[in-house]
Amino acid sequence: MKLKYAVVYERTPNNYSAYSPDLPGCISTGETWEDIQENMQEAITFHIESLMEYGDPIPQPQMSIEEAMAFHCKALKEYKDPIPQMETTVGIAEVEVKPSQAARAS
């Protein structure tokens, strides 16, 4: 089973960071654009595998790219300090979950 999660990517002064709003706590960093895309896909896979290992449900992808950007903008507005000016991109990361693993997690 393939799952496609919206991911928010930010260019910081020193590297890239990313998170998926559908997977709270699933974050990653990378030195280059290629690194962050690969690292985030690995982070999502590891996050889902950890949920399955503990028998927790796998959050189904719900946010579109537009919804993920709106989520990110809302989070920035709630930020107490001056909003950092960072280049932001929203994309989709696709991961493969074996049906037998997904069935055990449900």
PDB file of N, CA and C in Angstrom:
ATOM      1  N   MET A   1       0.860  -1.171   0.000  1.00  0.00           N
ATOM      2  CA  MET A   1       0.000   0.000   0.000  1.00  0.00           C
ATOM      3  C   MET A   1       0.905   1.232   0.000  1.00  0.00           C
ATOM      4  N   LYS A   2       0.634   2.137  -0.935  1.00  0.00           N
ATOM      5  CA  LYS A   2       1.400   3.379  -1.003  1.00  0.00           C
ATOM      6  C   LYS A   2       0.621   4.477  -0.298  1.00  0.00           C
ATOM      7  N   LEU A   3       1.336   5.244   0.507  1.00  0.00           N
ATOM      8  CA  LEU A   3       0.746   6.376   1.217  1.00  0.00           C
ATOM      9  C   LEU A   3       1.475   7.639   0.777  1.00  0.00           C
ATOM     10  N   LYS A   4       0.715   8.694   0.549  1.00  0.00           N
ATOM     11  CA  LYS A   4       1.290   9.964   0.107  1.00  0.00           C
ATOM     12  C   LYS A   4       0.955  11.040   1.133  1.00  0.00           C
ATOM     13  N   TYR A   5       1.987  11.542   1.804  1.00  0.00           N
ATOM     14  CA  TYR A   5       1.813  12.557   2.842  1.00  0.00           C
ATOM     15  C   TYR A   5       2.308  13.919   2.354  1.00  0.00           C
ATOM     16  N   ALA A   6       1.548  14.950   2.675  1.00  0.00           N
ATOM     17  CA  ALA A   6       1.999  16.315   2.418  1.00  0.00           C
ATOM     18  C   ALA A   6       3.155  16.620   3.367  1.00  0.00           C
ATOM     19  N   VAL A   7       4.164  17.300   2.844  1.00  0.00           N
ATOM     20  CA  VAL A   7       5.347  17.646   3.632  1.00  0.00           C
ATOM     21  C   VAL A   7       5.653  19.126   3.427  1.00  0.00           C
ATOM     22  N   VAL A   8       5.937  19.815   4.526  1.00  0.00           N
ATOM     23  CA  VAL A   8       6.347  21.220   4.488  1.00  0.00           C
ATOM     24  C   VAL A   8       7.869  21.254   4.597  1.00  0.00           C
ATOM     25  N   TYR A   9       8.520  21.832   3.589  1.00  0.00           N
ATOM     26  CA  TYR A   9       9.975  21.969   3.555  1.00  0.00           C
ATOM     27  C   TYR A   9      10.328  23.437   3.753  1.00  0.00           C
ATOM     28  N   GLU A  10      11.329  23.697   4.594  1.00  0.00           N
ATOM     29  CA  GLU A  10      11.795  25.071   4.806  1.00  0.00           C
ATOM     30  C   GLU A  10      13.299  25.143   4.589  1.00  0.00           C
ATOM     31  N   ARG A  11      13.710  26.216   3.951  1.00  0.00           N
ATOM     32  CA  ARG A  11      15.141  26.489   3.770  1.00  0.00           C
ATOM     33  C   ARG A  11      15.560  27.403   4.900  1.00  0.00           C
ATOM     34  N   THR A  12      16.409  26.910   5.788  1.00  0.00           N
ATOM     35  CA  THR A  12      16.915  27.719   6.891  1.00  0.00           C
ATOM     36  C   THR A  12      18.269  28.305   6.468  1.00  0.00           C
ATOM     37  N   PRO A  13      18.844  29.188   7.270  1.00  0.00           N
ATOM     38  CA  PRO A  13      20.145  29.747   6.881  1.00  0.00           C
ATOM     39  C   PRO A  13      21.243  28.689   6.712  1.00  0.00           C
ATOM     40  N   ASN A  14      21.136  27.565   7.428  1.00  0.00           N
ATOM     41  CA  ASN A  14      22.204  26.565   7.398  1.00  0.00           C
ATOM     42  C   ASN A  14      21.863  25.263   6.689  1.00  0.00           C
ATOM     43  N   ASN A  15      20.578  24.952   6.553  1.00  0.00           N
ATOM     44  CA  ASN A  15      20.186  23.683   5.957  1.00  0.00           C
ATOM     45  C   ASN A  15      18.705  23.721   5.582  1.00  0.00           C
ATOM     46  N   TYR A  16      18.124  22.557   5.461  1.00  0.00           N
ATOM     47  CA  TYR A  16      16.687  22.422   5.206  1.00  0.00           C
ATOM     48  C   TYR A  16      16.061  21.672   6.372  1.00  0.00           C
ATOM     49  N   SER A  17      14.796  21.966   6.633  1.00  0.00           N
ATOM     50  CA  SER A  17      14.037  21.206   7.625  1.00  0.00           C
ATOM     51  C   SER A  17      12.701  20.846   6.992  1.00  0.00           C
ATOM     52  N   ALA A  18      12.060  19.816   7.537  1.00  0.00           N
ATOM     53  CA  ALA A  18      10.780  19.381   6.979  1.00  0.00           C
ATOM     54  C   ALA A  18       9.951  18.697   8.052  1.00  0.00           C
ATOM     55  N   TYR A  19       8.633  18.741   7.848  1.00  0.00           N
ATOM     56  CA  TYR A  19       7.710  18.010   8.713  1.00  0.00           C
ATOM     57  C   TYR A  19       6.451  17.689   7.929  1.00  0.00           C
ATOM     58  N   SER A  20       5.722  16.684   8.420  1.00  0.00           N
ATOM     59  CA  SER A  20       4.445  16.323   7.808  1.00  0.00           C
ATOM     60  C   SER A  20       3.336  16.621   8.805  1.00  0.00           C
ATOM     61  N   PRO A  21       2.422  17.530   8.480  1.00  0.00           N
ATOM     62  CA  PRO A  21       1.339  17.861   9.408  1.00  0.00           C
ATOM     63  C   PRO A  21       0.449  16.670   9.765  1.00  0.00           C
ATOM     64  N   ASP A  22       0.354  15.683   8.884  1.00  0.00           N
ATOM     65  CA  ASP A  22      -0.464  14.499   9.169  1.00  0.00           C
ATOM     66  C   ASP A  22       0.217  13.528  10.123  1.00  0.00           C
ATOM     67  N   LEU A  23       1.511  13.724  10.374  1.00  0.00           N
ATOM     68  CA  LEU A  23       2.269  12.819  11.236  1.00  0.00           C
ATOM     69  C   LEU A  23       2.968  13.625  12.328  1.00  0.00           C
ATOM     70  N   PRO A  24       2.246  14.012  13.369  1.00  0.00           N
ATOM     71  CA  PRO A  24       2.851  14.823  14.429  1.00  0.00           C
ATOM     72  C   PRO A  24       4.136  14.192  14.968  1.00  0.00           C
ATOM     73  N   GLY A  25       5.167  15.012  15.060  1.00  0.00           N
ATOM     74  CA  GLY A  25       6.453  14.547  15.568  1.00  0.00           C
ATOM     75  C   GLY A  25       7.376  13.994  14.500  1.00  0.00           C
ATOM     76  N   CYS A  26       6.897  13.863  13.286  1.00  0.00           N
ATOM     77  CA  CYS A  26       7.716  13.331  12.197  1.00  0.00           C
ATOM     78  C   CYS A  26       8.404  14.501  11.499  1.00  0.00           C
ATOM     79  N   ILE A  27       9.694  14.670  11.794  1.00  0.00           N
ATOM     80  CA  ILE A  27      10.466  15.794  11.263  1.00  0.00           C
ATOM     81  C   ILE A  27      11.817  15.298  10.769  1.00  0.00           C
ATOM     82  N   SER A  28      12.487  16.125   9.998  1.00  0.00           N
ATOM     83  CA  SER A  28      13.826  15.778   9.545  1.00  0.00           C
ATOM     84  C   SER A  28      14.561  17.041   9.114  1.00  0.00           C
ATOM     85  N   THR A  29      15.872  16.902   8.937  1.00  0.00           N
ATOM     86  CA  THR A  29      16.704  17.979   8.404  1.00  0.00           C
ATOM     87  C   THR A  29      17.634  17.392   7.350  1.00  0.00           C
ATOM     88  N   GLY A  30      18.223  18.266   6.562  1.00  0.00           N
ATOM     89  CA  GLY A  30      19.190  17.837   5.562  1.00  0.00           C
ATOM     90  C   GLY A  30      19.992  19.020   5.072  1.00  0.00           C
ATOM     91  N   GLU A  31      21.206  18.752   4.622  1.00  0.00           N
ATOM     92  CA  GLU A  31      22.077  19.831   4.160  1.00  0.00           C
ATOM     93  C   GLU A  31      21.670  20.372   2.803  1.00  0.00           C
ATOM     94  N   THR A  32      21.129  19.524   1.935  1.00  0.00           N
ATOM     95  CA  THR A  32      20.752  19.941   0.583  1.00  0.00           C
ATOM     96  C   THR A  32      19.287  19.598   0.334  1.00  0.00           C
ATOM     97  N   TRP A  33      18.753  20.124  -0.768  1.00  0.00           N
ATOM     98  CA  TRP A  33      17.369  19.828  -1.156  1.00  0.00           C
ATOM     99  C   TRP A  33      17.186  18.322  -1.363  1.00  0.00           C
ATOM    100  N   GLU A  34      18.165  17.693  -2.009  1.00  0.00           N
ATOM    101  CA  GLU A  34      18.084  16.252  -2.237  1.00  0.00           C
ATOM    102  C   GLU A  34      18.126  15.496  -0.913  1.00  0.00           C
ATOM    103  N   ASP A  35      19.003  15.932  -0.002  1.00  0.00           N
ATOM    104  CA  ASP A  35      19.105  15.287   1.316  1.00  0.00           C
ATOM    105  C   ASP A  35      17.787  15.350   2.073  1.00  0.00           C
ATOM    106  N   ILE A  36      17.167  16.522   2.112  1.00  0.00           N
ATOM    107  CA  ILE A  36      15.956  16.663   2.921  1.00  0.00           C
ATOM    108  C   ILE A  36      14.818  15.830   2.351  1.00  0.00           C
ATOM    109  N   GLN A  37      14.727  15.742   1.042  1.00  0.00           N
ATOM    110  CA  GLN A  37      13.674  14.912   0.463  1.00  0.00           C
ATOM    111  C   GLN A  37      13.879  13.441   0.826  1.00  0.00           C
ATOM    112  N   GLU A  38      15.102  12.972   0.698  1.00  0.00           N
ATOM    113  CA  GLU A  38      15.412  11.583   1.043  1.00  0.00           C
ATOM    114  C   GLU A  38      15.247  11.346   2.544  1.00  0.00           C
ATOM    115  N   ASN A  39      15.777  12.262   3.353  1.00  0.00           N
ATOM    116  CA  ASN A  39      15.692  12.103   4.808  1.00  0.00           C
ATOM    117  C   ASN A  39      14.251  12.117   5.297  1.00  0.00           C
ATOM    118  N   MET A  40      13.425  12.961   4.696  1.00  0.00           N
ATOM    119  CA  MET A  40      12.033  13.039   5.134  1.00  0.00           C
ATOM    120  C   MET A  40      11.274  11.779   4.755  1.00  0.00           C
ATOM    121  N   GLN A  41      11.549  11.246   3.595  1.00  0.00           N
ATOM    122  CA  GLN A  41      10.903   9.992   3.206  1.00  0.00           C
ATOM    123  C   GLN A  41      11.306   8.879   4.181  1.00  0.00           C
ATOM    124  N   GLU A  42      12.573   8.834   4.555  1.00  0.00           N
ATOM    125  CA  GLU A  42      13.040   7.852   5.538  1.00  0.00           C
ATOM    126  C   GLU A  42      12.389   8.091   6.897  1.00  0.00           C
ATOM    127  N   ALA A  43      12.247   9.356   7.288  1.00  0.00           N
ATOM    128  CA  ALA A  43      11.626   9.676   8.579  1.00  0.00           C
ATOM    129  C   ALA A  43      10.171   9.218   8.609  1.00  0.00           C
ATOM    130  N   ILE A  44       9.452   9.431   7.516  1.00  0.00           N
ATOM    131  CA  ILE A  44       8.051   8.996   7.455  1.00  0.00           C
ATOM    132  C   ILE A  44       7.977   7.475   7.545  1.00  0.00           C
ATOM    133  N   THR A  45       8.831   6.790   6.799  1.00  0.00           N
ATOM    134  CA  THR A  45       8.847   5.325   6.836  1.00  0.00           C
ATOM    135  C   THR A  45       9.140   4.835   8.247  1.00  0.00           C
ATOM    136  N   PHE A  46      10.164   5.392   8.889  1.00  0.00           N
ATOM    137  CA  PHE A  46      10.518   4.996  10.255  1.00  0.00           C
ATOM    138  C   PHE A  46       9.372   5.293  11.219  1.00  0.00           C
ATOM    139  N   HIS A  47       8.736   6.444  11.064  1.00  0.00           N
ATOM    140  CA  HIS A  47       7.620   6.840  11.928  1.00  0.00           C
ATOM    141  C   HIS A  47       6.490   5.814  11.823  1.00  0.00           C
ATOM    142  N   ILE A  48       6.140   5.452  10.597  1.00  0.00           N
ATOM    143  CA  ILE A  48       5.058   4.490  10.387  1.00  0.00           C
ATOM    144  C   ILE A  48       5.447   3.111  10.913  1.00  0.00           C
ATOM    145  N   GLU A  49       6.687   2.695  10.660  1.00  0.00           N
ATOM    146  CA  GLU A  49       7.143   1.398  11.170  1.00  0.00           C
ATOM    147  C   GLU A  49       7.094   1.360  12.691  1.00  0.00           C
ATOM    148  N   SER A  50       7.446   2.461  13.339  1.00  0.00           N
ATOM    149  CA  SER A  50       7.388   2.522  14.805  1.00  0.00           C
ATOM    150  C   SER A  50       5.955   2.411  15.297  1.00  0.00           C
ATOM    151  N   LEU A  51       5.034   3.097  14.631  1.00  0.00           N
ATOM    152  CA  LEU A  51       3.622   2.995  15.005  1.00  0.00           C
ATOM    153  C   LEU A  51       3.144   1.554  14.874  1.00  0.00           C
ATOM    154  N   MET A  52       3.521   0.902  13.780  1.00  0.00           N
ATOM    155  CA  MET A  52       3.103  -0.484  13.562  1.00  0.00           C
ATOM    156  C   MET A  52       3.690  -1.405  14.620  1.00  0.00           C
ATOM    157  N   GLU A  53       4.951  -1.182  14.964  1.00  0.00           N
ATOM    158  CA  GLU A  53       5.623  -2.022  15.959  1.00  0.00           C
ATOM    159  C   GLU A  53       4.889  -1.994  17.295  1.00  0.00           C
ATOM    160  N   TYR A  54       4.353  -0.838  17.654  1.00  0.00           N
ATOM    161  CA  TYR A  54       3.652  -0.700  18.928  1.00  0.00           C
ATOM    162  C   TYR A  54       2.145  -0.901  18.803  1.00  0.00           C
ATOM    163  N   GLY A  55       1.695  -1.286  17.606  1.00  0.00           N
ATOM    164  CA  GLY A  55       0.280  -1.563  17.412  1.00  0.00           C
ATOM    165  C   GLY A  55      -0.597  -0.334  17.335  1.00  0.00           C
ATOM    166  N   ASP A  56       0.014   0.814  17.100  1.00  0.00           N
ATOM    167  CA  ASP A  56      -0.759   2.055  16.987  1.00  0.00           C
ATOM    168  C   ASP A  56      -1.283   2.213  15.562  1.00  0.00           C
ATOM    169  N   PRO A  57      -2.419   2.893  15.398  1.00  0.00           N
ATOM    170  CA  PRO A  57      -2.949   3.094  14.049  1.00  0.00           C
ATOM    171  C   PRO A  57      -2.060   4.025  13.232  1.00  0.00           C
ATOM    172  N   ILE A  58      -2.056   3.789  11.945  1.00  0.00           N
ATOM    173  CA  ILE A  58      -1.295   4.630  11.020  1.00  0.00           C
ATOM    174  C   ILE A  58      -2.189   5.780  10.582  1.00  0.00           C
ATOM    175  N   PRO A  59      -1.786   7.019  10.855  1.00  0.00           N
ATOM    176  CA  PRO A  59      -2.598   8.148  10.382  1.00  0.00           C
ATOM    177  C   PRO A  59      -2.657   8.153   8.852  1.00  0.00           C
ATOM    178  N   GLN A  60      -3.840   8.162   8.325  1.00  0.00           N
ATOM    179  CA  GLN A  60      -3.999   8.208   6.872  1.00  0.00           C
ATOM    180  C   GLN A  60      -3.714   9.631   6.381  1.00  0.00           C
ATOM    181  N   PRO A  61      -3.080   9.738   5.220  1.00  0.00           N
ATOM    182  CA  PRO A  61      -2.842  11.072   4.659  1.00  0.00           C
ATOM    183  C   PRO A  61      -4.171  11.788   4.445  1.00  0.00           C
ATOM    184  N   GLN A  62      -4.263  13.003   4.955  1.00  0.00           N
ATOM    185  CA  GLN A  62      -5.503  13.754   4.820  1.00  0.00           C
ATOM    186  C   GLN A  62      -5.297  15.106   4.155  1.00  0.00           C
ATOM    187  N   MET A  63      -4.147  15.712   4.374  1.00  0.00           N
ATOM    188  CA  MET A  63      -3.946  17.077   3.884  1.00  0.00           C
ATOM    189  C   MET A  63      -3.468  17.110   2.442  1.00  0.00           C
ATOM    190  N   SER A  64      -4.078  18.003   1.694  1.00  0.00           N
ATOM    191  CA  SER A  64      -3.587  18.302   0.350  1.00  0.00           C
ATOM    192  C   SER A  64      -2.410  19.270   0.498  1.00  0.00           C
ATOM    193  N   ILE A  65      -1.756  19.558  -0.591  1.00  0.00           N
ATOM    194  CA  ILE A  65      -0.669  20.536  -0.558  1.00  0.00           C
ATOM    195  C   ILE A  65      -1.195  21.883  -0.070  1.00  0.00           C
ATOM    196  N   GLU A  66      -2.349  22.276  -0.563  1.00  0.00           N
ATOM    197  CA  GLU A  66      -2.932  23.565  -0.168  1.00  0.00           C
ATOM    198  C   GLU A  66      -3.267  23.584   1.324  1.00  0.00           C
ATOM    199  N   GLU A  67      -3.824  22.491   1.831  1.00  0.00           N
ATOM    200  CA  GLU A  67      -4.172  22.422   3.256  1.00  0.00           C
ATOM    201  C   GLU A  67      -2.922  22.428   4.131  1.00  0.00           C
ATOM    202  N   ALA A  68      -1.861  21.763   3.682  1.00  0.00           N
ATOM    203  CA  ALA A  68      -0.613  21.755   4.446  1.00  0.00           C
ATOM    204  C   ALA A  68      -0.004  23.154   4.497  1.00  0.00           C
ATOM    205  N   MET A  69      -0.079  23.897   3.400  1.00  0.00           N
ATOM    206  CA  MET A  69       0.436  25.267   3.395  1.00  0.00           C
ATOM    207  C   MET A  69      -0.389  26.146   4.324  1.00  0.00           C
ATOM    208  N   ALA A  70      -1.712  25.981   4.306  1.00  0.00           N
ATOM    209  CA  ALA A  70      -2.580  26.753   5.203  1.00  0.00           C
ATOM    210  C   ALA A  70      -2.273  26.412   6.659  1.00  0.00           C
ATOM    211  N   PHE A  71      -2.048  25.130   6.954  1.00  0.00           N
ATOM    212  CA  PHE A  71      -1.684  24.687   8.300  1.00  0.00           C
ATOM    213  C   PHE A  71      -0.393  25.375   8.736  1.00  0.00           C
ATOM    214  N   HIS A  72       0.580  25.399   7.843  1.00  0.00           N
ATOM    215  CA  HIS A  72       1.879  26.002   8.144  1.00  0.00           C
ATOM    216  C   HIS A  72       1.744  27.506   8.389  1.00  0.00           C
ATOM    217  N   CYS A  73       0.982  28.180   7.545  1.00  0.00           N
ATOM    218  CA  CYS A  73       0.783  29.630   7.708  1.00  0.00           C
ATOM    219  C   CYS A  73       0.091  29.939   9.031  1.00  0.00           C
ATOM    220  N   LYS A  74      -0.881  29.125   9.402  1.00  0.00           N
ATOM    221  CA  LYS A  74      -1.575  29.319  10.681  1.00  0.00           C
ATOM    222  C   LYS A  74      -0.605  29.124  11.844  1.00  0.00           C
ATOM    223  N   ALA A  75       0.242  28.105  11.752  1.00  0.00           N
ATOM    224  CA  ALA A  75       1.225  27.855  12.813  1.00  0.00           C
ATOM    225  C   ALA A  75       2.189  29.033  12.939  1.00  0.00           C
ATOM    226  N   LEU A  76       2.596  29.606  11.818  1.00  0.00           N
ATOM    227  CA  LEU A  76       3.495  30.761  11.863  1.00  0.00           C
ATOM    228  C   LEU A  76       2.829  31.964  12.521  1.00  0.00           C
ATOM    229  N   LYS A  77       1.545  32.158  12.260  1.00  0.00           N
ATOM    230  CA  LYS A  77       0.829  33.286  12.864  1.00  0.00           C
ATOM    231  C   LYS A  77       0.748  33.152  14.379  1.00  0.00           C
ATOM    232  N   GLU A  78       0.756  31.908  14.876  1.00  0.00           N
ATOM    233  CA  GLU A  78       0.688  31.666  16.317  1.00  0.00           C
ATOM    234  C   GLU A  78       2.055  31.784  16.984  1.00  0.00           C
ATOM    235  N   TYR A  79       3.100  31.913  16.194  1.00  0.00           N
ATOM    236  CA  TYR A  79       4.465  32.036  16.689  1.00  0.00           C
ATOM    237  C   TYR A  79       4.607  33.370  17.416  1.00  0.00           C
ATOM    238  N   LYS A  80       5.116  33.359  18.630  1.00  0.00           N
ATOM    239  CA  LYS A  80       5.169  34.569  19.466  1.00  0.00           C
ATOM    240  C   LYS A  80       6.241  35.564  19.032  1.00  0.00           C
ATOM    241  N   ASP A  81       7.378  35.071  18.619  1.00  0.00           N
ATOM    242  CA  ASP A  81       8.474  35.942  18.205  1.00  0.00           C
ATOM    243  C   ASP A  81       8.248  36.399  16.766  1.00  0.00           C
ATOM    244  N   PRO A  82       9.067  37.324  16.288  1.00  0.00           N
ATOM    245  CA  PRO A  82       8.933  37.715  14.882  1.00  0.00           C
ATOM    246  C   PRO A  82       9.027  36.479  13.978  1.00  0.00           C
ATOM    247  N   ILE A  83       8.177  36.437  12.980  1.00  0.00           N
ATOM    248  CA  ILE A  83       8.139  35.273  12.095  1.00  0.00           C
ATOM    249  C   ILE A  83       9.422  35.224  11.272  1.00  0.00           C
ATOM    250  N   PRO A  84      10.124  34.077  11.338  1.00  0.00           N
ATOM    251  CA  PRO A  84      11.346  33.971  10.542  1.00  0.00           C
ATOM    252  C   PRO A  84      11.013  33.943   9.055  1.00  0.00           C
ATOM    253  N   GLN A  85      11.838  34.597   8.269  1.00  0.00           N
ATOM    254  CA  GLN A  85      11.641  34.620   6.824  1.00  0.00           C
ATOM    255  C   GLN A  85      12.421  33.463   6.208  1.00  0.00           C
ATOM    256  N   MET A  86      11.701  32.397   5.880  1.00  0.00           N
ATOM    257  CA  MET A  86      12.338  31.228   5.288  1.00  0.00           C
ATOM    258  C   MET A  86      11.583  30.818   4.033  1.00  0.00           C
ATOM    259  N   GLU A  87      12.335  30.429   3.040  1.00  0.00           N
ATOM    260  CA  GLU A  87      11.721  29.895   1.828  1.00  0.00           C
ATOM    261  C   GLU A  87      11.004  28.598   2.190  1.00  0.00           C
ATOM    262  N   THR A  88       9.736  28.495   1.822  1.00  0.00           N
ATOM    263  CA  THR A  88       8.927  27.331   2.177  1.00  0.00           C
ATOM    264  C   THR A  88       8.338  26.705   0.924  1.00  0.00           C
ATOM    265  N   THR A  89       8.408  25.392   0.870  1.00  0.00           N
ATOM    266  CA  THR A  89       7.837  24.622  -0.226  1.00  0.00           C
ATOM    267  C   THR A  89       7.022  23.492   0.379  1.00  0.00           C
ATOM    268  N   VAL A  90       5.893  23.186  -0.223  1.00  0.00           N
ATOM    269  CA  VAL A  90       5.094  22.046   0.225  1.00  0.00           C
ATOM    270  C   VAL A  90       5.048  21.044  -0.913  1.00  0.00           C
ATOM    271  N   GLY A  91       5.299  19.794  -0.576  1.00  0.00           N
ATOM    272  CA  GLY A  91       5.279  18.737  -1.580  1.00  0.00           C
ATOM    273  C   GLY A  91       4.653  17.477  -1.018  1.00  0.00           C
ATOM    274  N   ILE A  92       4.765  16.420  -1.767  1.00  0.00           N
ATOM    275  CA  ILE A  92       4.215  15.128  -1.371  1.00  0.00           C
ATOM    276  C   ILE A  92       5.359  14.126  -1.272  1.00  0.00           C
ATOM    277  N   ALA A  93       5.390  13.376  -0.168  1.00  0.00           N
ATOM    278  CA  ALA A  93       6.341  12.273  -0.008  1.00  0.00           C
ATOM    279  C   ALA A  93       5.540  10.978  -0.045  1.00  0.00           C
ATOM    280  N   GLU A  94       5.985  10.058  -0.869  1.00  0.00           N
ATOM    281  CA  GLU A  94       5.292   8.779  -1.012  1.00  0.00           C
ATOM    282  C   GLU A  94       6.109   7.676  -0.350  1.00  0.00           C
ATOM    283  N   VAL A  95       5.445   6.881   0.468  1.00  0.00           N
ATOM    284  CA  VAL A  95       6.102   5.742   1.104  1.00  0.00           C
ATOM    285  C   VAL A  95       5.282   4.491   0.838  1.00  0.00           C
ATOM    286  N   GLU A  96       5.940   3.361   0.886  1.00  0.00           N
ATOM    287  CA  GLU A  96       5.277   2.075   0.658  1.00  0.00           C
ATOM    288  C   GLU A  96       5.190   1.328   1.985  1.00  0.00           C
ATOM    289  N   VAL A  97       3.986   0.875   2.301  1.00  0.00           N
ATOM    290  CA  VAL A  97       3.763   0.078   3.506  1.00  0.00           C
ATOM    291  C   VAL A  97       3.229  -1.268   3.049  1.00  0.00           C
ATOM    292  N   LYS A  98       3.847  -2.345   3.519  1.00  0.00           N
ATOM    293  CA  LYS A  98       3.382  -3.673   3.136  1.00  0.00           C
ATOM    294  C   LYS A  98       2.028  -3.930   3.774  1.00  0.00           C
ATOM    295  N   PRO A  99       1.052  -4.434   3.008  1.00  0.00           N
ATOM    296  CA  PRO A  99      -0.296  -4.667   3.554  1.00  0.00           C
ATOM    297  C   PRO A  99      -0.299  -5.513   4.821  1.00  0.00           C
ATOM    298  N   SER A 100       0.575  -6.499   4.915  1.00  0.00           N
ATOM    299  CA  SER A 100       0.592  -7.341   6.118  1.00  0.00           C
ATOM    300  C   SER A 100       0.990  -6.527   7.344  1.00  0.00           C
ATOM    301  N   GLN A 101       1.901  -5.573   7.171  1.00  0.00           N
ATOM    302  CA  GLN A 101       2.302  -4.716   8.280  1.00  0.00           C
ATOM    303  C   GLN A 101       1.174  -3.771   8.656  1.00  0.00           C
ATOM    304  N   ALA A 102       0.515  -3.217   7.660  1.00  0.00           N
ATOM    305  CA  ALA A 102      -0.578  -2.282   7.921  1.00  0.00           C
ATOM    306  C   ALA A 102      -1.733  -2.987   8.617  1.00  0.00           C
ATOM    307  N   ALA A 103      -2.006  -4.230   8.239  1.00  0.00           N
ATOM    308  CA  ALA A 103      -3.106  -4.975   8.861  1.00  0.00           C
ATOM    309  C   ALA A 103      -2.815  -5.238  10.330  1.00  0.00           C
ATOM    310  N   ARG A 104      -1.558  -5.526  10.652  1.00  0.00           N
ATOM    311  CA  ARG A 104      -1.201  -5.763  12.053  1.00  0.00           C
ATOM    312  C   ARG A 104      -1.345  -4.511  12.895  1.00  0.00           C
ATOM    313  N   ALA A 105      -1.150  -3.358  12.277  1.00  0.00           N
ATOM    314  CA  ALA A 105      -1.194  -2.104  13.029  1.00  0.00           C
ATOM    315  C   ALA A 105      -2.615  -1.635  13.292  1.00  0.00           C
ATOM    316  N   SER A 106      -3.561  -2.079  12.507  1.00  0.00           N
ATOM    317  CA  SER A 106      -4.938  -1.584  12.657  1.00  0.00           C
ATOM    318  C   SER A 106      -5.638  -2.177  13.845  1.00  0.00           C
TER     319      SER A 106
END
